[in-house]
Structures are given as structure tokens and as C-alpha cells.
Amino acid sequence: MANSVDEVILKLSTAFNRIFNDFKGMYLFGIHTDGEIHEDEDIELAGLFDIEDKSKREQIWPIIGKIETEMNVCIDFYPYTQESFKKDEEIYEEVMEHGIFFDKNGKKQI
């Protein structure tokens, strides 16, 4: 099992940077914003890209699955463009109120 949520985010960011040149970073939201791994709870992440489409999602899901298996975690990952993210009002509002942004290199932004 992963030691921390930061470790999971760093691994995801590294993988996304290798494959996508338009990855901008991701927001962590939900119960894991305390940085701890909570068993039986999914790590909720909203990833930002310049382009988000079916082709990109087909490349993202195997990455997520591999990291989930390697680190023994469950990840709910929502890929967005900045525009589509703002349109998903329910998630956008929660993220803006309680979320934590990690840049494309997996560094927490304060």
C-alpha cells in the first residue's frame, strides 16, 4: 500500500508527463486531502489537460489501473480541460472550496 497520497500523485504525475505534453496538474479532493491513505476510500483527483477526449481517456485508464495495482489503492480520476472542469459545477465547487492543487510535476501548491 502507498505510504501517502502525495506518493500516489507523484507517480501519476510522472506517468502523465511521460505520455502527455498537455498535462497541467491535478486537484486532490475528498477525504484524502489530509494526505493520509484511508482504507476502503477512493483517492479523488481531477486532472487538467489542454485536450480531453476519448483517445486520451483510453490512455489514462491503463495508467490508473497499473498504479492502483502497484500501490494497492483505488483512484477516482476525472480528466478535464479547464473549460470542461468549470462546467462540472458539483465537482468544481467542491474542489475550489476544499481541494489541493498539485502541479504537473506532482508538487503541492499552497
PDB file of N, CA and C in Angstrom:
ATOM      1  N   MET A   1       0.841  -1.190   0.000  1.00  0.00           N
ATOM      2  CA  MET A   1       0.000   0.000   0.000  1.00  0.00           C
ATOM      3  C   MET A   1       0.882   1.248   0.000  1.00  0.00           C
ATOM      4  N   ALA A   2       0.409   2.272  -0.659  1.00  0.00           N
ATOM      5  CA  ALA A   2       1.142   3.542  -0.701  1.00  0.00           C
ATOM      6  C   ALA A   2       1.272   4.108   0.711  1.00  0.00           C
ATOM      7  N   ASN A   3       2.364   4.803   0.956  1.00  0.00           N
ATOM      8  CA  ASN A   3       2.576   5.420   2.258  1.00  0.00           C
ATOM      9  C   ASN A   3       1.793   6.719   2.410  1.00  0.00           C
ATOM     10  N   SER A   4       1.560   7.405   1.292  1.00  0.00           N
ATOM     11  CA  SER A   4       0.848   8.677   1.355  1.00  0.00           C
ATOM     12  C   SER A   4       0.173   8.967   0.019  1.00  0.00           C
ATOM     13  N   VAL A   5      -0.775   9.862   0.072  1.00  0.00           N
ATOM     14  CA  VAL A   5      -1.451  10.302  -1.147  1.00  0.00           C
ATOM     15  C   VAL A   5      -0.464  11.052  -2.041  1.00  0.00           C
ATOM     16  N   ASP A   6       0.442  11.803  -1.442  1.00  0.00           N
ATOM     17  CA  ASP A   6       1.451  12.533  -2.218  1.00  0.00           C
ATOM     18  C   ASP A   6       2.270  11.578  -3.088  1.00  0.00           C
ATOM     19  N   GLU A   7       2.571  10.406  -2.554  1.00  0.00           N
ATOM     20  CA  GLU A   7       3.329   9.401  -3.297  1.00  0.00           C
ATOM     21  C   GLU A   7       2.548   8.925  -4.526  1.00  0.00           C
ATOM     22  N   VAL A   8       1.251   8.720  -4.365  1.00  0.00           N
ATOM     23  CA  VAL A   8       0.390   8.302  -5.478  1.00  0.00           C
ATOM     24  C   VAL A   8       0.347   9.402  -6.538  1.00  0.00           C
ATOM     25  N   ILE A   9       0.177  10.641  -6.103  1.00  0.00           N
ATOM     26  CA  ILE A   9       0.091  11.773  -7.028  1.00  0.00           C
ATOM     27  C   ILE A   9       1.405  11.956  -7.786  1.00  0.00           C
ATOM     28  N   LEU A  10       2.518  11.808  -7.113  1.00  0.00           N
ATOM     29  CA  LEU A  10       3.818  11.925  -7.779  1.00  0.00           C
ATOM     30  C   LEU A  10       3.968  10.848  -8.855  1.00  0.00           C
ATOM     31  N   LYS A  11       3.573   9.635  -8.549  1.00  0.00           N
ATOM     32  CA  LYS A  11       3.673   8.541  -9.519  1.00  0.00           C
ATOM     33  C   LYS A  11       2.770   8.805 -10.729  1.00  0.00           C
ATOM     34  N   LEU A  12       1.543   9.268 -10.487  1.00  0.00           N
ATOM     35  CA  LEU A  12       0.629   9.610 -11.581  1.00  0.00           C
ATOM     36  C   LEU A  12       1.197  10.749 -12.431  1.00  0.00           C
ATOM     37  N   SER A  13       1.671  11.790 -11.775  1.00  0.00           N
ATOM     38  CA  SER A  13       2.205  12.949 -12.493  1.00  0.00           C
ATOM     39  C   SER A  13       3.377  12.548 -13.378  1.00  0.00           C
ATOM     40  N   THR A  14       4.257  11.728 -12.856  1.00  0.00           N
ATOM     41  CA  THR A  14       5.412  11.263 -13.623  1.00  0.00           C
ATOM     42  C   THR A  14       4.951  10.500 -14.867  1.00  0.00           C
ATOM     43  N   ALA A  15       3.988   9.609 -14.699  1.00  0.00           N
ATOM     44  CA  ALA A  15       3.471   8.825 -15.829  1.00  0.00           C
ATOM     45  C   ALA A  15       2.778   9.724 -16.851  1.00  0.00           C
ATOM     46  N   PHE A  16       1.959  10.654 -16.384  1.00  0.00           N
ATOM     47  CA  PHE A  16       1.242  11.545 -17.302  1.00  0.00           C
ATOM     48  C   PHE A  16       2.216  12.436 -18.079  1.00  0.00           C
ATOM     49  N   ASN A  17       3.258  12.921 -17.422  1.00  0.00           N
ATOM     50  CA  ASN A  17       4.243  13.771 -18.104  1.00  0.00           C
ATOM     51  C   ASN A  17       5.004  13.020 -19.179  1.00  0.00           C
ATOM     52  N   ARG A  18       5.207  11.724 -18.982  1.00  0.00           N
ATOM     53  CA  ARG A  18       5.894  10.913 -19.996  1.00  0.00           C
ATOM     54  C   ARG A  18       5.050  10.755 -21.255  1.00  0.00           C
ATOM     55  N   ILE A  19       3.728  10.721 -21.095  1.00  0.00           N
ATOM     56  CA  ILE A  19       2.839  10.401 -22.213  1.00  0.00           C
ATOM     57  C   ILE A  19       2.154  11.626 -22.810  1.00  0.00           C
ATOM     58  N   PHE A  20       1.801  12.585 -21.971  1.00  0.00           N
ATOM     59  CA  PHE A  20       1.022  13.742 -22.430  1.00  0.00           C
ATOM     60  C   PHE A  20       1.825  15.030 -22.277  1.00  0.00           C
ATOM     61  N   ASN A  21       1.931  15.786 -23.360  1.00  0.00           N
ATOM     62  CA  ASN A  21       2.639  17.067 -23.255  1.00  0.00           C
ATOM     63  C   ASN A  21       1.700  18.202 -22.850  1.00  0.00           C
ATOM     64  N   ASP A  22       0.415  17.894 -22.662  1.00  0.00           N
ATOM     65  CA  ASP A  22      -0.546  18.944 -22.282  1.00  0.00           C
ATOM     66  C   ASP A  22      -1.088  18.768 -20.864  1.00  0.00           C
ATOM     67  N   PHE A  23      -0.455  17.915 -20.049  1.00  0.00           N
ATOM     68  CA  PHE A  23      -0.879  17.717 -18.667  1.00  0.00           C
ATOM     69  C   PHE A  23      -0.481  18.939 -17.851  1.00  0.00           C
ATOM     70  N   LYS A  24      -1.446  19.522 -17.130  1.00  0.00           N
ATOM     71  CA  LYS A  24      -1.224  20.754 -16.386  1.00  0.00           C
ATOM     72  C   LYS A  24      -1.094  20.549 -14.882  1.00  0.00           C
ATOM     73  N   GLY A  25      -1.608  19.438 -14.383  1.00  0.00           N
ATOM     74  CA  GLY A  25      -1.597  19.184 -12.949  1.00  0.00           C
ATOM     75  C   GLY A  25      -2.918  18.577 -12.535  1.00  0.00           C
ATOM     76  N   MET A  26      -3.102  18.402 -11.213  1.00  0.00           N
ATOM     77  CA  MET A  26      -4.345  17.799 -10.739  1.00  0.00           C
ATOM     78  C   MET A  26      -4.715  18.317  -9.362  1.00  0.00           C
ATOM     79  N   TYR A  27      -5.990  18.252  -9.109  1.00  0.00           N
ATOM     80  CA  TYR A  27      -6.531  18.618  -7.808  1.00  0.00           C
ATOM     81  C   TYR A  27      -6.879  17.349  -7.047  1.00  0.00           C
ATOM     82  N   LEU A  28      -6.490  17.323  -5.783  1.00  0.00           N
ATOM     83  CA  LEU A  28      -6.917  16.286  -4.853  1.00  0.00           C
ATOM     84  C   LEU A  28      -8.103  16.843  -4.088  1.00  0.00           C
ATOM     85  N   PHE A  29      -9.153  16.047  -3.980  1.00  0.00           N
ATOM     86  CA  PHE A  29     -10.303  16.479  -3.192  1.00  0.00           C
ATOM     87  C   PHE A  29     -10.894  15.275  -2.476  1.00  0.00           C
ATOM     88  N   GLY A  30     -11.835  15.528  -1.591  1.00  0.00           N
ATOM     89  CA  GLY A  30     -12.444  14.445  -0.831  1.00  0.00           C
ATOM     90  C   GLY A  30     -11.683  14.169   0.457  1.00  0.00           C
ATOM     91  N   ILE A  31     -11.909  13.004   1.007  1.00  0.00           N
ATOM     92  CA  ILE A  31     -11.391  12.629   2.332  1.00  0.00           C
ATOM     93  C   ILE A  31      -9.863  12.622   2.407  1.00  0.00           C
ATOM     94  N   HIS A  32      -9.202  12.396   1.300  1.00  0.00           N
ATOM     95  CA  HIS A  32      -7.749  12.259   1.321  1.00  0.00           C
ATOM     96  C   HIS A  32      -6.986  13.586   1.342  1.00  0.00           C
ATOM     97  N   THR A  33      -7.671  14.705   1.420  1.00  0.00           N
ATOM     98  CA  THR A  33      -6.962  15.993   1.451  1.00  0.00           C
ATOM     99  C   THR A  33      -6.106  16.143   2.704  1.00  0.00           C
ATOM    100  N   ASP A  34      -6.289  15.252   3.674  1.00  0.00           N
ATOM    101  CA  ASP A  34      -5.415  15.282   4.849  1.00  0.00           C
ATOM    102  C   ASP A  34      -4.069  14.619   4.562  1.00  0.00           C
ATOM    103  N   GLY A  35      -3.914  14.064   3.329  1.00  0.00           N
ATOM    104  CA  GLY A  35      -2.649  13.463   2.922  1.00  0.00           C
ATOM    105  C   GLY A  35      -2.470  12.016   3.339  1.00  0.00           C
ATOM    106  N   GLU A  36      -3.393  11.505   4.126  1.00  0.00           N
ATOM    107  CA  GLU A  36      -3.313  10.129   4.613  1.00  0.00           C
ATOM    108  C   GLU A  36      -4.056   9.182   3.683  1.00  0.00           C
ATOM    109  N   ILE A  37      -3.639   7.919   3.699  1.00  0.00           N
ATOM    110  CA  ILE A  37      -4.350   6.875   2.969  1.00  0.00           C
ATOM    111  C   ILE A  37      -5.465   6.357   3.882  1.00  0.00           C
ATOM    112  N   HIS A  38      -6.678   6.393   3.386  1.00  0.00           N
ATOM    113  CA  HIS A  38      -7.827   5.882   4.120  1.00  0.00           C
ATOM    114  C   HIS A  38      -8.287   4.607   3.428  1.00  0.00           C
ATOM    115  N   GLU A  39      -8.126   3.478   4.103  1.00  0.00           N
ATOM    116  CA  GLU A  39      -8.527   2.208   3.504  1.00  0.00           C
ATOM    117  C   GLU A  39      -9.998   2.254   3.136  1.00  0.00           C
ATOM    118  N   ASP A  40     -10.338   1.600   2.043  1.00  0.00           N
ATOM    119  CA  ASP A  40     -11.711   1.484   1.551  1.00  0.00           C
ATOM    120  C   ASP A  40     -12.290   2.815   1.060  1.00  0.00           C
ATOM    121  N   GLU A  41     -11.445   3.813   0.867  1.00  0.00           N
ATOM    122  CA  GLU A  41     -11.895   5.100   0.328  1.00  0.00           C
ATOM    123  C   GLU A  41     -11.068   5.410  -0.924  1.00  0.00           C
ATOM    124  N   ASP A  42     -11.727   5.817  -2.000  1.00  0.00           N
ATOM    125  CA  ASP A  42     -11.033   6.164  -3.239  1.00  0.00           C
ATOM    126  C   ASP A  42     -10.323   7.508  -3.108  1.00  0.00           C
ATOM    127  N   ILE A  43      -9.169   7.601  -3.750  1.00  0.00           N
ATOM    128  CA  ILE A  43      -8.457   8.875  -3.853  1.00  0.00           C
ATOM    129  C   ILE A  43      -9.095   9.618  -5.023  1.00  0.00           C
ATOM    130  N   GLU A  44      -9.678  10.772  -4.747  1.00  0.00           N
ATOM    131  CA  GLU A  44     -10.397  11.533  -5.772  1.00  0.00           C
ATOM    132  C   GLU A  44      -9.503  12.636  -6.336  1.00  0.00           C
ATOM    133  N   LEU A  45      -9.326  12.578  -7.667  1.00  0.00           N
ATOM    134  CA  LEU A  45      -8.450  13.514  -8.354  1.00  0.00           C
ATOM    135  C   LEU A  45      -9.112  14.055  -9.611  1.00  0.00           C
ATOM    136  N   ALA A  46      -8.934  15.339  -9.856  1.00  0.00           N
ATOM    137  CA  ALA A  46      -9.382  15.976 -11.093  1.00  0.00           C
ATOM    138  C   ALA A  46      -8.135  16.445 -11.831  1.00  0.00           C
ATOM    139  N   GLY A  47      -7.862  15.840 -12.989  1.00  0.00           N
ATOM    140  CA  GLY A  47      -6.677  16.178 -13.771  1.00  0.00           C
ATOM    141  C   GLY A  47      -7.001  17.179 -14.863  1.00  0.00           C
ATOM    142  N   LEU A  48      -6.085  18.107 -15.095  1.00  0.00           N
ATOM    143  CA  LEU A  48      -6.288  19.145 -16.104  1.00  0.00           C
ATOM    144  C   LEU A  48      -5.349  18.948 -17.284  1.00  0.00           C
ATOM    145  N   PHE A  49      -5.930  19.007 -18.476  1.00  0.00           N
ATOM    146  CA  PHE A  49      -5.218  18.843 -19.734  1.00  0.00           C
ATOM    147  C   PHE A  49      -5.691  19.923 -20.695  1.00  0.00           C
ATOM    148  N   ASP A  50      -4.896  20.224 -21.714  1.00  0.00           N
ATOM    149  CA  ASP A  50      -5.348  21.146 -22.762  1.00  0.00           C
ATOM    150  C   ASP A  50      -6.444  20.494 -23.603  1.00  0.00           C
ATOM    151  N   ILE A  51      -6.303  19.190 -23.836  1.00  0.00           N
ATOM    152  CA  ILE A  51      -7.272  18.439 -24.638  1.00  0.00           C
ATOM    153  C   ILE A  51      -7.727  17.241 -23.818  1.00  0.00           C
ATOM    154  N   GLU A  52      -9.027  17.018 -23.772  1.00  0.00           N
ATOM    155  CA  GLU A  52      -9.579  15.854 -23.077  1.00  0.00           C
ATOM    156  C   GLU A  52     -10.575  15.223 -24.030  1.00  0.00           C
ATOM    157  N   ASP A  53     -10.299  13.992 -24.426  1.00  0.00           N
ATOM    158  CA  ASP A  53     -11.188  13.307 -25.358  1.00  0.00           C
ATOM    159  C   ASP A  53     -11.115  11.795 -25.122  1.00  0.00           C
ATOM    160  N   LYS A  54     -11.852  11.047 -25.917  1.00  0.00           N
ATOM    161  CA  LYS A  54     -11.920   9.594 -25.747  1.00  0.00           C
ATOM    162  C   LYS A  54     -10.548   8.954 -25.885  1.00  0.00           C
ATOM    163  N   SER A  55      -9.769   9.389 -26.830  1.00  0.00           N
ATOM    164  CA  SER A  55      -8.436   8.839 -27.047  1.00  0.00           C
ATOM    165  C   SER A  55      -7.569   9.016 -25.802  1.00  0.00           C
ATOM    166  N   LYS A  56      -7.616  10.180 -25.213  1.00  0.00           N
ATOM    167  CA  LYS A  56      -6.816  10.439 -24.013  1.00  0.00           C
ATOM    168  C   LYS A  56      -7.307   9.572 -22.859  1.00  0.00           C
ATOM    169  N   ARG A  57      -8.615   9.474 -22.672  1.00  0.00           N
ATOM    170  CA  ARG A  57      -9.157   8.635 -21.597  1.00  0.00           C
ATOM    171  C   ARG A  57      -8.720   7.186 -21.772  1.00  0.00           C
ATOM    172  N   GLU A  58      -8.674   6.708 -23.016  1.00  0.00           N
ATOM    173  CA  GLU A  58      -8.239   5.333 -23.277  1.00  0.00           C
ATOM    174  C   GLU A  58      -6.771   5.125 -22.903  1.00  0.00           C
ATOM    175  N   GLN A  59      -5.984   6.178 -22.916  1.00  0.00           N
ATOM    176  CA  GLN A  59      -4.585   6.090 -22.497  1.00  0.00           C
ATOM    177  C   GLN A  59      -4.444   6.255 -20.981  1.00  0.00           C
ATOM    178  N   ILE A  60      -5.341   7.029 -20.377  1.00  0.00           N
ATOM    179  CA  ILE A  60      -5.275   7.302 -18.941  1.00  0.00           C
ATOM    180  C   ILE A  60      -5.635   6.072 -18.113  1.00  0.00           C
ATOM    181  N   TRP A  61      -6.702   5.368 -18.476  1.00  0.00           N
ATOM    182  CA  TRP A  61      -7.212   4.299 -17.602  1.00  0.00           C
ATOM    183  C   TRP A  61      -6.215   3.179 -17.349  1.00  0.00           C
ATOM    184  N   PRO A  62      -5.429   2.741 -18.337  1.00  0.00           N
ATOM    185  CA  PRO A  62      -4.417   1.715 -18.013  1.00  0.00           C
ATOM    186  C   PRO A  62      -3.346   2.225 -17.031  1.00  0.00           C
ATOM    187  N   ILE A  63      -3.008   3.497 -17.118  1.00  0.00           N
ATOM    188  CA  ILE A  63      -2.040   4.086 -16.186  1.00  0.00           C
ATOM    189  C   ILE A  63      -2.609   4.044 -14.772  1.00  0.00           C
ATOM    190  N   ILE A  64      -3.857   4.481 -14.650  1.00  0.00           N
ATOM    191  CA  ILE A  64      -4.522   4.473 -13.344  1.00  0.00           C
ATOM    192  C   ILE A  64      -4.558   3.046 -12.795  1.00  0.00           C
ATOM    193  N   GLY A  65      -4.988   2.101 -13.627  1.00  0.00           N
ATOM    194  CA  GLY A  65      -5.093   0.708 -13.192  1.00  0.00           C
ATOM    195  C   GLY A  65      -3.765   0.144 -12.722  1.00  0.00           C
ATOM    196  N   LYS A  66      -2.699   0.445 -13.436  1.00  0.00           N
ATOM    197  CA  LYS A  66      -1.377  -0.048 -13.062  1.00  0.00           C
ATOM    198  C   LYS A  66      -0.942   0.512 -11.708  1.00  0.00           C
ATOM    199  N   ILE A  67      -1.148   1.796 -11.508  1.00  0.00           N
ATOM    200  CA  ILE A  67      -0.754   2.424 -10.242  1.00  0.00           C
ATOM    201  C   ILE A  67      -1.639   1.932  -9.099  1.00  0.00           C
ATOM    202  N   GLU A  68      -2.927   1.745  -9.357  1.00  0.00           N
ATOM    203  CA  GLU A  68      -3.804   1.195  -8.326  1.00  0.00           C
ATOM    204  C   GLU A  68      -3.295  -0.174  -7.870  1.00  0.00           C
ATOM    205  N   THR A  69      -2.912  -1.012  -8.825  1.00  0.00           N
ATOM    206  CA  THR A  69      -2.418  -2.355  -8.511  1.00  0.00           C
ATOM    207  C   THR A  69      -1.082  -2.296  -7.778  1.00  0.00           C
ATOM    208  N   GLU A  70      -0.152  -1.516  -8.298  1.00  0.00           N
ATOM    209  CA  GLU A  70       1.180  -1.413  -7.693  1.00  0.00           C
ATOM    210  C   GLU A  70       1.136  -0.868  -6.270  1.00  0.00           C
ATOM    211  N   MET A  71       0.255   0.112  -6.032  1.00  0.00           N
ATOM    212  CA  MET A  71       0.251   0.813  -4.756  1.00  0.00           C
ATOM    213  C   MET A  71      -0.907   0.388  -3.846  1.00  0.00           C
ATOM    214  N   ASN A  72      -1.717  -0.536  -4.316  1.00  0.00           N
ATOM    215  CA  ASN A  72      -2.846  -1.054  -3.545  1.00  0.00           C
ATOM    216  C   ASN A  72      -3.773   0.073  -3.055  1.00  0.00           C
ATOM    217  N   VAL A  73      -4.209   0.900  -4.003  1.00  0.00           N
ATOM    218  CA  VAL A  73      -5.141   2.000  -3.723  1.00  0.00           C
ATOM    219  C   VAL A  73      -6.227   1.989  -4.793  1.00  0.00           C
ATOM    220  N   CYS A  74      -7.287   2.725  -4.541  1.00  0.00           N
ATOM    221  CA  CYS A  74      -8.333   2.942  -5.546  1.00  0.00           C
ATOM    222  C   CYS A  74      -8.351   4.430  -5.872  1.00  0.00           C
ATOM    223  N   ILE A  75      -8.388   4.726  -7.161  1.00  0.00           N
ATOM    224  CA  ILE A  75      -8.321   6.112  -7.624  1.00  0.00           C
ATOM    225  C   ILE A  75      -9.546   6.425  -8.469  1.00  0.00           C
ATOM    226  N   ASP A  76     -10.240   7.501  -8.114  1.00  0.00           N
ATOM    227  CA  ASP A  76     -11.285   8.073  -8.977  1.00  0.00           C
ATOM    228  C   ASP A  76     -10.636   9.270  -9.668  1.00  0.00           C
ATOM    229  N   PHE A  77     -10.395   9.144 -10.967  1.00  0.00           N
ATOM    230  CA  PHE A  77      -9.708  10.203 -11.698  1.00  0.00           C
ATOM    231  C   PHE A  77     -10.662  10.799 -12.727  1.00  0.00           C
ATOM    232  N   TYR A  78     -10.804  12.113 -12.684  1.00  0.00           N
ATOM    233  CA  TYR A  78     -11.682  12.838 -13.585  1.00  0.00           C
ATOM    234  C   TYR A  78     -10.826  13.727 -14.481  1.00  0.00           C
ATOM    235  N   PRO A  79     -10.637  13.359 -15.761  1.00  0.00           N
ATOM    236  CA  PRO A  79      -9.858  14.210 -16.660  1.00  0.00           C
ATOM    237  C   PRO A  79     -10.714  15.351 -17.226  1.00  0.00           C
ATOM    238  N   TYR A  80     -10.147  16.540 -17.235  1.00  0.00           N
ATOM    239  CA  TYR A  80     -10.866  17.723 -17.717  1.00  0.00           C
ATOM    240  C   TYR A  80      -9.930  18.633 -18.509  1.00  0.00           C
ATOM    241  N   THR A  81     -10.546  19.482 -19.344  1.00  0.00           N
ATOM    242  CA  THR A  81      -9.885  20.698 -19.775  1.00  0.00           C
ATOM    243  C   THR A  81     -10.304  21.745 -18.742  1.00  0.00           C
ATOM    244  N   GLN A  82      -9.648  22.895 -18.722  1.00  0.00           N
ATOM    245  CA  GLN A  82     -10.036  23.937 -17.767  1.00  0.00           C
ATOM    246  C   GLN A  82     -11.499  24.328 -17.980  1.00  0.00           C
ATOM    247  N   GLU A  83     -11.912  24.411 -19.227  1.00  0.00           N
ATOM    248  CA  GLU A  83     -13.290  24.797 -19.546  1.00  0.00           C
ATOM    249  C   GLU A  83     -14.299  23.745 -19.086  1.00  0.00           C
ATOM    250  N   SER A  84     -14.041  22.465 -19.390  1.00  0.00           N
ATOM    251  CA  SER A  84     -14.993  21.420 -19.003  1.00  0.00           C
ATOM    252  C   SER A  84     -15.015  21.244 -17.487  1.00  0.00           C
ATOM    253  N   PHE A  85     -13.901  21.509 -16.823  1.00  0.00           N
ATOM    254  CA  PHE A  85     -13.846  21.417 -15.364  1.00  0.00           C
ATOM    255  C   PHE A  85     -14.798  22.425 -14.731  1.00  0.00           C
ATOM    256  N   LYS A  86     -14.771  23.650 -15.209  1.00  0.00           N
ATOM    257  CA  LYS A  86     -15.647  24.691 -14.657  1.00  0.00           C
ATOM    258  C   LYS A  86     -17.119  24.386 -14.913  1.00  0.00           C
ATOM    259  N   LYS A  87     -17.412  23.669 -15.977  1.00  0.00           N
ATOM    260  CA  LYS A  87     -18.802  23.327 -16.300  1.00  0.00           C
ATOM    261  C   LYS A  87     -19.361  22.214 -15.415  1.00  0.00           C
ATOM    262  N   ASP A  88     -18.491  21.397 -14.827  1.00  0.00           N
ATOM    263  CA  ASP A  88     -18.928  20.332 -13.927  1.00  0.00           C
ATOM    264  C   ASP A  88     -19.068  20.947 -12.533  1.00  0.00           C
ATOM    265  N   GLU A  89     -20.171  21.676 -12.339  1.00  0.00           N
ATOM    266  CA  GLU A  89     -20.333  22.537 -11.175  1.00  0.00           C
ATOM    267  C   GLU A  89     -20.168  21.819  -9.848  1.00  0.00           C
ATOM    268  N   GLU A  90     -20.717  20.616  -9.724  1.00  0.00           N
ATOM    269  CA  GLU A  90     -20.666  19.909  -8.449  1.00  0.00           C
ATOM    270  C   GLU A  90     -19.221  19.631  -8.019  1.00  0.00           C
ATOM    271  N   ILE A  91     -18.443  19.049  -8.907  1.00  0.00           N
ATOM    272  CA  ILE A  91     -17.046  18.742  -8.578  1.00  0.00           C
ATOM    273  C   ILE A  91     -16.227  20.027  -8.495  1.00  0.00           C
ATOM    274  N   TYR A  92     -16.436  20.943  -9.432  1.00  0.00           N
ATOM    275  CA  TYR A  92     -15.673  22.190  -9.444  1.00  0.00           C
ATOM    276  C   TYR A  92     -15.820  22.948  -8.120  1.00  0.00           C
ATOM    277  N   GLU A  93     -17.055  23.070  -7.643  1.00  0.00           N
ATOM    278  CA  GLU A  93     -17.284  23.807  -6.395  1.00  0.00           C
ATOM    279  C   GLU A  93     -16.607  23.125  -5.212  1.00  0.00           C
ATOM    280  N   GLU A  94     -16.705  21.798  -5.125  1.00  0.00           N
ATOM    281  CA  GLU A  94     -16.049  21.077  -4.035  1.00  0.00           C
ATOM    282  C   GLU A  94     -14.535  21.259  -4.093  1.00  0.00           C
ATOM    283  N   VAL A  95     -13.976  21.136  -5.294  1.00  0.00           N
ATOM    284  CA  VAL A  95     -12.531  21.268  -5.463  1.00  0.00           C
ATOM    285  C   VAL A  95     -12.076  22.679  -5.111  1.00  0.00           C
ATOM    286  N   MET A  96     -12.790  23.687  -5.563  1.00  0.00           N
ATOM    287  CA  MET A  96     -12.387  25.066  -5.291  1.00  0.00           C
ATOM    288  C   MET A  96     -12.490  25.398  -3.802  1.00  0.00           C
ATOM    289  N   GLU A  97     -13.412  24.746  -3.115  1.00  0.00           N
ATOM    290  CA  GLU A  97     -13.592  25.025  -1.687  1.00  0.00           C
ATOM    291  C   GLU A  97     -12.605  24.242  -0.821  1.00  0.00           C
ATOM    292  N   HIS A  98     -12.372  22.972  -1.167  1.00  0.00           N
ATOM    293  CA  HIS A  98     -11.590  22.112  -0.274  1.00  0.00           C
ATOM    294  C   HIS A  98     -10.398  21.424  -0.924  1.00  0.00           C
ATOM    295  N   GLY A  99     -10.248  21.565  -2.246  1.00  0.00           N
ATOM    296  CA  GLY A  99      -9.214  20.816  -2.953  1.00  0.00           C
ATOM    297  C   GLY A  99      -7.815  21.387  -2.802  1.00  0.00           C
ATOM    298  N   ILE A 100      -6.845  20.555  -3.157  1.00  0.00           N
ATOM    299  CA  ILE A 100      -5.430  20.931  -3.121  1.00  0.00           C
ATOM    300  C   ILE A 100      -4.867  20.701  -4.521  1.00  0.00           C
ATOM    301  N   PHE A 101      -4.191  21.714  -5.077  1.00  0.00           N
ATOM    302  CA  PHE A 101      -3.634  21.593  -6.415  1.00  0.00           C
ATOM    303  C   PHE A 101      -2.198  21.088  -6.360  1.00  0.00           C
ATOM    304  N   PHE A 102      -1.892  20.133  -7.243  1.00  0.00           N
ATOM    305  CA  PHE A 102      -0.543  19.624  -7.439  1.00  0.00           C
ATOM    306  C   PHE A 102      -0.154  19.956  -8.875  1.00  0.00           C
ATOM    307  N   ASP A 103       1.004  20.600  -9.059  1.00  0.00           N
ATOM    308  CA  ASP A 103       1.410  20.983 -10.407  1.00  0.00           C
ATOM    309  C   ASP A 103       1.757  19.751 -11.242  1.00  0.00           C
ATOM    310  N   LYS A 104       2.130  19.962 -12.482  1.00  0.00           N
ATOM    311  CA  LYS A 104       2.371  18.846 -13.402  1.00  0.00           C
ATOM    312  C   LYS A 104       3.505  17.939 -12.951  1.00  0.00           C
ATOM    313  N   ASN A 105       4.352  18.427 -12.044  1.00  0.00           N
ATOM    314  CA  ASN A 105       5.451  17.618 -11.511  1.00  0.00           C
ATOM    315  C   ASN A 105       5.094  16.932 -10.196  1.00  0.00           C
ATOM    316  N   GLY A 106       3.835  17.066  -9.785  1.00  0.00           N
ATOM    317  CA  GLY A 106       3.378  16.418  -8.562  1.00  0.00           C
ATOM    318  C   GLY A 106       3.704  17.168  -7.292  1.00  0.00           C
ATOM    319  N   LYS A 107       4.058  18.458  -7.434  1.00  0.00           N
ATOM    320  CA  LYS A 107       4.388  19.290  -6.264  1.00  0.00           C
ATOM    321  C   LYS A 107       3.137  20.016  -5.772  1.00  0.00           C
ATOM    322  N   LYS A 108       2.886  19.905  -4.473  1.00  0.00           N
ATOM    323  CA  LYS A 108       1.737  20.553  -3.863  1.00  0.00           C
ATOM    324  C   LYS A 108       1.894  22.062  -3.919  1.00  0.00           C
ATOM    325  N   GLN A 109       0.852  22.748  -4.371  1.00  0.00           N
ATOM    326  CA  GLN A 109       0.861  24.212  -4.447  1.00  0.00           C
ATOM    327  C   GLN A 109       0.042  24.777  -3.299  1.00  0.00           C
ATOM    328  N   ILE A 110       0.637  25.689  -2.586  1.00  0.00           N
ATOM    329  CA  ILE A 110      -0.049  26.258  -1.406  1.00  0.00           C
ATOM    330  C   ILE A 110      -0.497  27.663  -1.691  1.00  0.00           C
TER     331      ILE A 110
END
